[in-house]
Amino acid sequence: MESIIKIFGEGENLSTLQMSLRAAAIFMITLLLLRIAGRRSFGMKTPFDNIIVILLGAILSRTVVGASEFVPTISAALVIAVLHRLFAWIGSSNLRFGRMIKGRKIALYQNGHIMKENLKRALVSETDLYASLRNHLQEDNFENIESAFMESDGQISFVRKNTNITSEKAGIL
């Protein structure tokens, strides 16, 4: 135990080498914790998933600089990673719980109309909606758009109108 304290140091008075060794150890531990939490912690980018990134960064940084003890801090980070995985697992099979932790999409455009109240709810202006339309679909207006949604991850998605016309519908037999 004494040799570990000598290598990693103790408290806030750490040498450059000790802090570097702590950083290397925390890097490897964080990789393990993110594997425990699951792939969605970085893939989905929802507020639910961003929580783990923010909390792990805040908690584990304290270990690197010696502001908190090593083992209790790692234990706290492990609890957060396991809770994230557990909540994601429950949310994937229980729709009500899933909506509670991940949120819902908000309709911004439907049936030929921009839904102004929902824009306010989503904190999106019409200018933002049009900018997103241009960025994602290179469209200048909603002529070819069926609907638009603010997704639970904050992205705006668009559904194009179905423009497939069969020969029978077009009057060709």
N, C-alpha and C. Protein backbone atom coordinates (compact mmCIF):
# COMPACT_ATOMS: atom_id res chain seq x y z
N MET A 1 0.82 -1.19 0.00
CA MET A 1 0.00 0.00 0.00
C MET A 1 0.87 1.26 0.00
N GLU A 2 1.95 1.19 0.75
CA GLU A 2 2.84 2.33 0.84
C GLU A 2 3.51 2.63 -0.50
N SER A 3 3.82 1.59 -1.25
CA SER A 3 4.44 1.80 -2.57
C SER A 3 3.44 2.41 -3.56
N ILE A 4 2.15 2.06 -3.44
CA ILE A 4 1.13 2.64 -4.31
C ILE A 4 0.98 4.13 -3.99
N ILE A 5 0.98 4.47 -2.71
CA ILE A 5 0.88 5.88 -2.31
C ILE A 5 2.09 6.65 -2.82
N LYS A 6 3.27 6.01 -2.79
CA LYS A 6 4.47 6.68 -3.28
C LYS A 6 4.39 6.93 -4.78
N ILE A 7 3.85 5.96 -5.51
CA ILE A 7 3.75 6.09 -6.97
C ILE A 7 2.67 7.12 -7.36
N PHE A 8 1.46 6.99 -6.79
CA PHE A 8 0.33 7.83 -7.18
C PHE A 8 0.18 9.08 -6.31
N GLY A 9 0.88 9.13 -5.20
CA GLY A 9 0.78 10.29 -4.32
C GLY A 9 -0.48 10.27 -3.49
N GLU A 10 -0.62 11.28 -2.66
CA GLU A 10 -1.77 11.36 -1.77
C GLU A 10 -2.10 12.83 -1.54
N GLY A 11 -3.39 13.16 -1.55
CA GLY A 11 -3.80 14.54 -1.33
C GLY A 11 -3.59 15.39 -2.56
N GLU A 12 -3.51 16.70 -2.33
CA GLU A 12 -3.43 17.64 -3.44
C GLU A 12 -2.00 18.03 -3.83
N ASN A 13 -1.02 17.66 -3.06
CA ASN A 13 0.37 18.01 -3.36
C ASN A 13 1.01 16.88 -4.16
N LEU A 14 0.68 16.84 -5.44
CA LEU A 14 1.16 15.77 -6.32
C LEU A 14 2.24 16.30 -7.24
N SER A 15 3.21 15.43 -7.54
CA SER A 15 4.22 15.80 -8.52
C SER A 15 3.64 15.64 -9.93
N THR A 16 4.35 16.14 -10.90
CA THR A 16 3.92 16.00 -12.29
C THR A 16 3.81 14.53 -12.67
N LEU A 17 4.78 13.73 -12.25
CA LEU A 17 4.75 12.29 -12.56
C LEU A 17 3.56 11.62 -11.90
N GLN A 18 3.29 11.93 -10.64
CA GLN A 18 2.16 11.32 -9.95
C GLN A 18 0.83 11.69 -10.60
N MET A 19 0.68 12.96 -10.98
CA MET A 19 -0.57 13.38 -11.62
C MET A 19 -0.69 12.72 -13.00
N SER A 20 0.41 12.58 -13.69
CA SER A 20 0.39 11.91 -15.01
C SER A 20 0.02 10.44 -14.87
N LEU A 21 0.56 9.78 -13.86
CA LEU A 21 0.21 8.37 -13.63
C LEU A 21 -1.26 8.22 -13.25
N ARG A 22 -1.75 9.15 -12.44
CA ARG A 22 -3.18 9.14 -12.09
C ARG A 22 -4.04 9.35 -13.34
N ALA A 23 -3.62 10.28 -14.19
CA ALA A 23 -4.38 10.54 -15.42
C ALA A 23 -4.42 9.30 -16.31
N ALA A 24 -3.31 8.60 -16.43
CA ALA A 24 -3.26 7.36 -17.24
C ALA A 24 -4.18 6.30 -16.64
N ALA A 25 -4.15 6.16 -15.33
CA ALA A 25 -5.01 5.17 -14.66
C ALA A 25 -6.48 5.54 -14.84
N ILE A 26 -6.82 6.82 -14.67
CA ILE A 26 -8.20 7.26 -14.82
C ILE A 26 -8.67 7.09 -16.25
N PHE A 27 -7.79 7.33 -17.21
CA PHE A 27 -8.14 7.12 -18.62
C PHE A 27 -8.59 5.68 -18.84
N MET A 28 -7.81 4.73 -18.35
CA MET A 28 -8.15 3.31 -18.53
C MET A 28 -9.42 2.94 -17.76
N ILE A 29 -9.56 3.46 -16.57
CA ILE A 29 -10.77 3.20 -15.77
C ILE A 29 -11.99 3.79 -16.47
N THR A 30 -11.86 4.99 -17.02
CA THR A 30 -12.98 5.63 -17.71
C THR A 30 -13.41 4.82 -18.93
N LEU A 31 -12.45 4.29 -19.67
CA LEU A 31 -12.79 3.41 -20.80
C LEU A 31 -13.61 2.22 -20.33
N LEU A 32 -13.19 1.62 -19.23
CA LEU A 32 -13.93 0.49 -18.67
C LEU A 32 -15.33 0.91 -18.23
N LEU A 33 -15.44 2.05 -17.57
CA LEU A 33 -16.74 2.54 -17.11
C LEU A 33 -17.68 2.83 -18.28
N LEU A 34 -17.14 3.39 -19.35
CA LEU A 34 -17.98 3.66 -20.52
C LEU A 34 -18.42 2.37 -21.20
N ARG A 35 -17.61 1.34 -21.13
CA ARG A 35 -18.04 0.03 -21.64
C ARG A 35 -19.17 -0.53 -20.78
N ILE A 36 -19.06 -0.33 -19.48
CA ILE A 36 -20.13 -0.77 -18.57
C ILE A 36 -21.41 0.01 -18.86
N ALA A 37 -21.29 1.33 -19.04
CA ALA A 37 -22.46 2.18 -19.29
C ALA A 37 -23.13 1.81 -20.61
N GLY A 38 -22.37 1.39 -21.58
CA GLY A 38 -22.95 1.00 -22.86
C GLY A 38 -22.64 2.00 -23.96
N ARG A 39 -22.78 1.56 -25.18
CA ARG A 39 -22.44 2.36 -26.36
C ARG A 39 -23.31 3.60 -26.50
N ARG A 40 -24.53 3.52 -26.07
CA ARG A 40 -25.44 4.65 -26.27
C ARG A 40 -24.98 5.89 -25.53
N SER A 41 -24.12 5.75 -24.51
CA SER A 41 -23.68 6.92 -23.74
C SER A 41 -22.97 7.94 -24.62
N PHE A 42 -22.39 7.51 -25.73
CA PHE A 42 -21.78 8.46 -26.65
C PHE A 42 -22.48 8.51 -27.98
N GLY A 43 -23.27 7.52 -28.30
CA GLY A 43 -23.91 7.48 -29.61
C GLY A 43 -25.18 8.28 -29.73
N MET A 44 -25.99 8.34 -28.69
CA MET A 44 -27.32 8.91 -28.81
C MET A 44 -27.34 10.43 -28.61
N LYS A 45 -26.50 10.96 -27.79
CA LYS A 45 -26.40 12.40 -27.55
C LYS A 45 -27.69 13.03 -27.00
N THR A 46 -28.45 12.28 -26.24
CA THR A 46 -29.62 12.84 -25.58
C THR A 46 -29.18 13.41 -24.23
N PRO A 47 -29.98 14.27 -23.61
CA PRO A 47 -29.61 14.75 -22.27
C PRO A 47 -29.35 13.59 -21.30
N PHE A 48 -30.15 12.55 -21.39
CA PHE A 48 -29.94 11.37 -20.55
C PHE A 48 -28.54 10.80 -20.75
N ASP A 49 -28.08 10.76 -21.99
CA ASP A 49 -26.77 10.20 -22.28
C ASP A 49 -25.64 11.17 -21.98
N ASN A 50 -25.90 12.46 -22.11
CA ASN A 50 -24.88 13.46 -21.80
C ASN A 50 -24.57 13.52 -20.31
N ILE A 51 -25.53 13.13 -19.49
CA ILE A 51 -25.33 13.14 -18.04
C ILE A 51 -24.12 12.32 -17.66
N ILE A 52 -23.99 11.14 -18.23
CA ILE A 52 -22.87 10.28 -17.83
C ILE A 52 -21.54 10.89 -18.21
N VAL A 53 -21.46 11.53 -19.35
CA VAL A 53 -20.22 12.15 -19.78
C VAL A 53 -19.83 13.28 -18.83
N ILE A 54 -20.80 14.12 -18.51
CA ILE A 54 -20.53 15.26 -17.62
C ILE A 54 -20.16 14.78 -16.21
N LEU A 55 -20.95 13.86 -15.68
CA LEU A 55 -20.68 13.40 -14.32
C LEU A 55 -19.37 12.64 -14.20
N LEU A 56 -19.10 11.75 -15.14
CA LEU A 56 -17.83 11.01 -15.07
C LEU A 56 -16.65 11.97 -15.18
N GLY A 57 -16.75 12.95 -16.06
CA GLY A 57 -15.66 13.92 -16.18
C GLY A 57 -15.45 14.69 -14.89
N ALA A 58 -16.55 15.15 -14.30
CA ALA A 58 -16.45 15.94 -13.07
C ALA A 58 -15.92 15.10 -11.90
N ILE A 59 -16.44 13.90 -11.77
CA ILE A 59 -16.04 13.05 -10.64
C ILE A 59 -14.61 12.56 -10.79
N LEU A 60 -14.30 12.03 -11.96
CA LEU A 60 -12.98 11.41 -12.14
C LEU A 60 -11.86 12.45 -12.20
N SER A 61 -12.15 13.66 -12.60
CA SER A 61 -11.11 14.69 -12.61
C SER A 61 -10.61 14.98 -11.20
N ARG A 62 -11.48 14.82 -10.22
CA ARG A 62 -11.09 15.04 -8.83
C ARG A 62 -10.02 14.06 -8.39
N THR A 63 -10.06 12.86 -8.94
CA THR A 63 -9.05 11.85 -8.61
C THR A 63 -7.71 12.21 -9.23
N VAL A 64 -7.73 12.70 -10.46
CA VAL A 64 -6.49 13.05 -11.14
C VAL A 64 -5.74 14.14 -10.37
N VAL A 65 -6.44 15.15 -9.91
CA VAL A 65 -5.78 16.28 -9.23
C VAL A 65 -5.62 16.06 -7.72
N GLY A 66 -6.12 14.94 -7.20
CA GLY A 66 -5.94 14.63 -5.80
C GLY A 66 -6.93 15.31 -4.87
N ALA A 67 -8.01 15.85 -5.42
CA ALA A 67 -9.01 16.54 -4.59
C ALA A 67 -9.90 15.56 -3.82
N SER A 68 -10.00 14.33 -4.31
CA SER A 68 -10.80 13.30 -3.64
C SER A 68 -10.01 12.00 -3.60
N GLU A 69 -10.36 11.16 -2.65
CA GLU A 69 -9.67 9.87 -2.54
C GLU A 69 -9.98 9.00 -3.75
N PHE A 70 -9.02 8.17 -4.10
CA PHE A 70 -9.07 7.38 -5.33
C PHE A 70 -10.23 6.37 -5.33
N VAL A 71 -10.25 5.47 -4.39
CA VAL A 71 -11.23 4.36 -4.41
C VAL A 71 -12.67 4.85 -4.25
N PRO A 72 -13.00 5.73 -3.30
CA PRO A 72 -14.39 6.20 -3.21
C PRO A 72 -14.85 6.92 -4.48
N THR A 73 -13.94 7.65 -5.12
CA THR A 73 -14.31 8.37 -6.34
C THR A 73 -14.59 7.39 -7.47
N ILE A 74 -13.76 6.38 -7.60
CA ILE A 74 -13.98 5.35 -8.63
C ILE A 74 -15.28 4.60 -8.35
N SER A 75 -15.58 4.35 -7.09
CA SER A 75 -16.83 3.68 -6.72
C SER A 75 -18.04 4.52 -7.12
N ALA A 76 -17.97 5.82 -6.87
CA ALA A 76 -19.07 6.72 -7.25
C ALA A 76 -19.25 6.71 -8.77
N ALA A 77 -18.16 6.75 -9.51
CA ALA A 77 -18.23 6.72 -10.97
C ALA A 77 -18.82 5.40 -11.47
N LEU A 78 -18.46 4.30 -10.82
CA LEU A 78 -19.01 2.99 -11.18
C LEU A 78 -20.52 2.95 -10.97
N VAL A 79 -20.99 3.51 -9.87
CA VAL A 79 -22.43 3.57 -9.59
C VAL A 79 -23.15 4.34 -10.70
N ILE A 80 -22.58 5.45 -11.13
CA ILE A 80 -23.21 6.25 -12.18
C ILE A 80 -23.25 5.47 -13.50
N ALA A 81 -22.16 4.78 -13.84
CA ALA A 81 -22.13 3.99 -15.08
C ALA A 81 -23.17 2.86 -15.04
N VAL A 82 -23.27 2.18 -13.90
CA VAL A 82 -24.23 1.08 -13.76
C VAL A 82 -25.66 1.63 -13.81
N LEU A 83 -25.92 2.75 -13.14
CA LEU A 83 -27.26 3.35 -13.18
C LEU A 83 -27.65 3.76 -14.60
N HIS A 84 -26.71 4.32 -15.34
CA HIS A 84 -26.98 4.70 -16.73
C HIS A 84 -27.38 3.48 -17.55
N ARG A 85 -26.62 2.41 -17.41
CA ARG A 85 -26.93 1.19 -18.15
C ARG A 85 -28.27 0.62 -17.72
N LEU A 86 -28.53 0.59 -16.42
CA LEU A 86 -29.79 0.06 -15.90
C LEU A 86 -30.97 0.88 -16.39
N PHE A 87 -30.88 2.21 -16.31
CA PHE A 87 -31.97 3.06 -16.78
C PHE A 87 -32.19 2.91 -18.28
N ALA A 88 -31.11 2.81 -19.04
CA ALA A 88 -31.24 2.62 -20.50
C ALA A 88 -31.92 1.28 -20.79
N TRP A 89 -31.56 0.26 -20.05
CA TRP A 89 -32.15 -1.06 -20.25
C TRP A 89 -33.65 -1.04 -19.90
N ILE A 90 -33.99 -0.45 -18.76
CA ILE A 90 -35.40 -0.35 -18.37
C ILE A 90 -36.16 0.50 -19.38
N GLY A 91 -35.56 1.62 -19.79
CA GLY A 91 -36.20 2.52 -20.74
C GLY A 91 -36.43 1.89 -22.11
N SER A 92 -35.61 0.92 -22.49
CA SER A 92 -35.78 0.27 -23.79
C SER A 92 -36.95 -0.71 -23.79
N SER A 93 -37.36 -1.17 -22.62
CA SER A 93 -38.48 -2.11 -22.57
C SER A 93 -39.75 -1.52 -21.96
N ASN A 94 -39.64 -0.40 -21.26
CA ASN A 94 -40.79 0.25 -20.65
C ASN A 94 -40.94 1.63 -21.28
N LEU A 95 -41.92 1.79 -22.16
CA LEU A 95 -42.07 3.04 -22.90
C LEU A 95 -42.28 4.26 -22.01
N ARG A 96 -43.08 4.12 -20.98
CA ARG A 96 -43.34 5.24 -20.08
C ARG A 96 -42.06 5.70 -19.38
N PHE A 97 -41.31 4.76 -18.86
CA PHE A 97 -40.04 5.09 -18.21
C PHE A 97 -39.06 5.66 -19.23
N GLY A 98 -39.03 5.09 -20.41
CA GLY A 98 -38.15 5.57 -21.47
C GLY A 98 -38.44 7.01 -21.84
N ARG A 99 -39.72 7.35 -21.97
CA ARG A 99 -40.09 8.74 -22.28
C ARG A 99 -39.71 9.68 -21.15
N MET A 100 -39.83 9.19 -19.91
CA MET A 100 -39.50 10.02 -18.76
C MET A 100 -38.01 10.37 -18.74
N ILE A 101 -37.15 9.41 -19.02
CA ILE A 101 -35.71 9.69 -18.92
C ILE A 101 -35.11 10.22 -20.23
N LYS A 102 -35.72 9.87 -21.35
CA LYS A 102 -35.14 10.28 -22.64
C LYS A 102 -35.88 11.44 -23.30
N GLY A 103 -37.11 11.68 -22.91
CA GLY A 103 -37.90 12.74 -23.50
C GLY A 103 -38.70 12.24 -24.70
N ARG A 104 -39.43 13.17 -25.32
CA ARG A 104 -40.27 12.86 -26.48
C ARG A 104 -39.93 13.80 -27.61
N LYS A 105 -40.30 13.39 -28.80
CA LYS A 105 -40.16 14.30 -29.94
C LYS A 105 -41.28 15.33 -29.86
N ILE A 106 -41.03 16.49 -30.48
CA ILE A 106 -42.01 17.57 -30.52
C ILE A 106 -42.26 17.89 -31.98
N ALA A 107 -43.52 17.83 -32.41
CA ALA A 107 -43.87 18.15 -33.80
C ALA A 107 -43.71 19.65 -34.01
N LEU A 108 -42.95 20.02 -35.04
CA LEU A 108 -42.74 21.43 -35.36
C LEU A 108 -43.47 21.86 -36.62
N TYR A 109 -43.73 20.89 -37.49
CA TYR A 109 -44.42 21.17 -38.75
C TYR A 109 -45.22 19.92 -39.13
N GLN A 110 -46.52 20.10 -39.37
CA GLN A 110 -47.38 18.99 -39.78
C GLN A 110 -48.57 19.55 -40.54
N ASN A 111 -49.09 18.74 -41.45
CA ASN A 111 -50.30 19.10 -42.19
C ASN A 111 -50.21 20.48 -42.85
N GLY A 112 -49.01 20.81 -43.35
CA GLY A 112 -48.84 22.07 -44.06
C GLY A 112 -48.71 23.30 -43.18
N HIS A 113 -48.56 23.12 -41.86
CA HIS A 113 -48.50 24.26 -40.96
C HIS A 113 -47.33 24.16 -39.99
N ILE A 114 -46.67 25.29 -39.78
CA ILE A 114 -45.66 25.38 -38.74
C ILE A 114 -46.40 25.52 -37.42
N MET A 115 -46.04 24.72 -36.46
CA MET A 115 -46.72 24.68 -35.16
C MET A 115 -46.00 25.63 -34.20
N LYS A 116 -46.47 26.87 -34.16
CA LYS A 116 -45.79 27.95 -33.44
C LYS A 116 -45.68 27.69 -31.94
N GLU A 117 -46.71 27.14 -31.35
CA GLU A 117 -46.65 26.84 -29.91
C GLU A 117 -45.58 25.80 -29.61
N ASN A 118 -45.47 24.81 -30.48
CA ASN A 118 -44.45 23.78 -30.28
C ASN A 118 -43.05 24.32 -30.54
N LEU A 119 -42.93 25.29 -31.46
CA LEU A 119 -41.64 25.95 -31.66
C LEU A 119 -41.20 26.63 -30.37
N LYS A 120 -42.13 27.32 -29.72
CA LYS A 120 -41.83 27.98 -28.45
C LYS A 120 -41.42 26.96 -27.40
N ARG A 121 -42.17 25.85 -27.33
CA ARG A 121 -41.88 24.80 -26.36
C ARG A 121 -40.49 24.21 -26.57
N ALA A 122 -40.09 24.08 -27.84
CA ALA A 122 -38.79 23.51 -28.18
C ALA A 122 -37.68 24.55 -28.19
N LEU A 123 -38.05 25.84 -27.96
CA LEU A 123 -37.09 26.94 -27.98
C LEU A 123 -36.40 27.06 -29.34
N VAL A 124 -37.20 26.92 -30.40
CA VAL A 124 -36.72 27.00 -31.77
C VAL A 124 -37.48 28.11 -32.48
N SER A 125 -36.78 28.95 -33.20
CA SER A 125 -37.45 29.99 -33.97
C SER A 125 -37.76 29.45 -35.37
N GLU A 126 -38.63 30.14 -36.09
CA GLU A 126 -38.90 29.75 -37.48
C GLU A 126 -37.62 29.84 -38.31
N THR A 127 -36.80 30.84 -38.01
CA THR A 127 -35.52 30.99 -38.71
C THR A 127 -34.65 29.75 -38.50
N ASP A 128 -34.61 29.25 -37.26
CA ASP A 128 -33.85 28.03 -36.96
C ASP A 128 -34.40 26.83 -37.73
N LEU A 129 -35.72 26.74 -37.79
CA LEU A 129 -36.37 25.63 -38.49
C LEU A 129 -36.01 25.64 -39.97
N TYR A 130 -36.09 26.82 -40.59
CA TYR A 130 -35.74 26.94 -42.00
C TYR A 130 -34.24 26.67 -42.23
N ALA A 131 -33.40 27.13 -41.32
CA ALA A 131 -31.96 26.88 -41.45
C ALA A 131 -31.67 25.39 -41.38
N SER A 132 -32.35 24.70 -40.48
CA SER A 132 -32.17 23.26 -40.37
C SER A 132 -32.65 22.54 -41.63
N LEU A 133 -33.76 23.01 -42.20
CA LEU A 133 -34.28 22.45 -43.45
C LEU A 133 -33.26 22.61 -44.58
N ARG A 134 -32.67 23.79 -44.67
CA ARG A 134 -31.66 24.02 -45.71
C ARG A 134 -30.41 23.18 -45.47
N ASN A 135 -29.98 23.09 -44.22
CA ASN A 135 -28.77 22.32 -43.90
C ASN A 135 -28.93 20.83 -44.12
N HIS A 136 -30.07 20.28 -43.76
CA HIS A 136 -30.25 18.84 -43.82
C HIS A 136 -30.76 18.34 -45.17
N LEU A 137 -31.65 19.10 -45.79
CA LEU A 137 -32.29 18.60 -47.02
C LEU A 137 -32.05 19.49 -48.24
N GLN A 138 -31.33 20.58 -48.06
CA GLN A 138 -31.09 21.53 -49.14
C GLN A 138 -32.40 21.97 -49.78
N GLU A 139 -33.40 22.19 -48.95
CA GLU A 139 -34.72 22.69 -49.38
C GLU A 139 -34.89 24.08 -48.81
N ASP A 140 -35.60 24.93 -49.55
CA ASP A 140 -35.83 26.31 -49.11
C ASP A 140 -37.22 26.52 -48.52
N ASN A 141 -38.12 25.56 -48.77
CA ASN A 141 -39.48 25.69 -48.25
C ASN A 141 -40.02 24.30 -47.91
N PHE A 142 -41.21 24.28 -47.38
CA PHE A 142 -41.80 23.03 -46.89
C PHE A 142 -42.68 22.33 -47.94
N GLU A 143 -42.55 22.72 -49.18
CA GLU A 143 -43.39 22.17 -50.24
C GLU A 143 -43.29 20.64 -50.34
N ASN A 144 -42.11 20.09 -50.16
CA ASN A 144 -41.90 18.65 -50.27
C ASN A 144 -41.78 17.96 -48.91
N ILE A 145 -42.16 18.66 -47.85
CA ILE A 145 -41.99 18.14 -46.49
C ILE A 145 -43.34 17.76 -45.88
N GLU A 146 -43.41 16.56 -45.37
CA GLU A 146 -44.61 16.07 -44.69
C GLU A 146 -44.66 16.58 -43.25
N SER A 147 -43.52 16.46 -42.54
CA SER A 147 -43.49 16.86 -41.14
C SER A 147 -42.05 17.14 -40.70
N ALA A 148 -41.94 17.83 -39.56
CA ALA A 148 -40.64 18.12 -38.95
C ALA A 148 -40.79 17.95 -37.44
N PHE A 149 -39.75 17.43 -36.81
CA PHE A 149 -39.79 17.16 -35.38
C PHE A 149 -38.50 17.60 -34.70
N MET A 150 -38.62 18.08 -33.47
CA MET A 150 -37.47 18.23 -32.59
C MET A 150 -37.37 16.89 -31.88
N GLU A 151 -36.29 16.17 -32.13
CA GLU A 151 -36.11 14.85 -31.53
C GLU A 151 -35.63 14.99 -30.09
N SER A 152 -35.66 13.91 -29.35
CA SER A 152 -35.27 13.96 -27.94
C SER A 152 -33.80 14.31 -27.75
N ASP A 153 -32.98 14.19 -28.80
CA ASP A 153 -31.58 14.55 -28.70
C ASP A 153 -31.32 16.00 -29.10
N GLY A 154 -32.40 16.75 -29.42
CA GLY A 154 -32.26 18.16 -29.77
C GLY A 154 -32.11 18.42 -31.26
N GLN A 155 -31.97 17.36 -32.05
CA GLN A 155 -31.84 17.52 -33.50
C GLN A 155 -33.23 17.71 -34.12
N ILE A 156 -33.27 18.42 -35.24
CA ILE A 156 -34.52 18.57 -35.97
C ILE A 156 -34.48 17.59 -37.13
N SER A 157 -35.52 16.78 -37.25
CA SER A 157 -35.60 15.81 -38.33
C SER A 157 -36.79 16.16 -39.23
N PHE A 158 -36.70 15.73 -40.48
CA PHE A 158 -37.72 16.03 -41.47
C PHE A 158 -38.16 14.75 -42.15
N VAL A 159 -39.45 14.69 -42.48
CA VAL A 159 -40.00 13.57 -43.25
C VAL A 159 -40.51 14.16 -44.55
N ARG A 160 -39.96 13.65 -45.65
CA ARG A 160 -40.39 14.13 -46.97
C ARG A 160 -41.75 13.54 -47.32
N LYS A 161 -42.49 14.26 -48.16
CA LYS A 161 -43.76 13.75 -48.68
C LYS A 161 -43.46 12.57 -49.58
N ASN A 162 -44.36 11.62 -49.59
CA ASN A 162 -44.22 10.47 -50.49
C ASN A 162 -44.63 10.93 -51.89
N THR A 163 -43.67 11.05 -52.77
CA THR A 163 -43.94 11.55 -54.12
C THR A 163 -43.93 10.44 -55.16
N ASN A 164 -43.95 9.20 -54.69
CA ASN A 164 -43.99 8.08 -55.64
C ASN A 164 -45.38 7.98 -56.23
N ILE A 165 -45.48 8.20 -57.52
CA ILE A 165 -46.77 8.09 -58.20
C ILE A 165 -46.72 6.86 -59.10
N THR A 166 -47.62 5.96 -58.83
CA THR A 166 -47.64 4.77 -59.67
C THR A 166 -48.32 5.09 -61.00
N SER A 167 -48.09 4.27 -61.98
CA SER A 167 -48.68 4.53 -63.32
C SER A 167 -50.20 4.51 -63.25
N GLU A 168 -50.79 3.71 -62.36
CA GLU A 168 -52.24 3.66 -62.25
C GLU A 168 -52.78 4.97 -61.69
N LYS A 169 -52.09 5.54 -60.66
CA LYS A 169 -52.52 6.80 -60.08
C LYS A 169 -52.35 7.94 -61.07
N ALA A 170 -51.37 7.85 -61.93
CA ALA A 170 -51.10 8.91 -62.89
C ALA A 170 -52.05 8.83 -64.10
N GLY A 171 -52.90 7.85 -64.12
CA GLY A 171 -53.86 7.73 -65.21
C GLY A 171 -53.33 6.90 -66.38
N ILE A 172 -52.22 6.23 -66.18
CA ILE A 172 -51.65 5.40 -67.24
C ILE A 172 -51.96 3.95 -66.87
N LEU A 173 -52.58 3.26 -67.76
CA LEU A 173 -52.93 1.86 -67.50
C LEU A 173 -52.01 0.90 -68.14
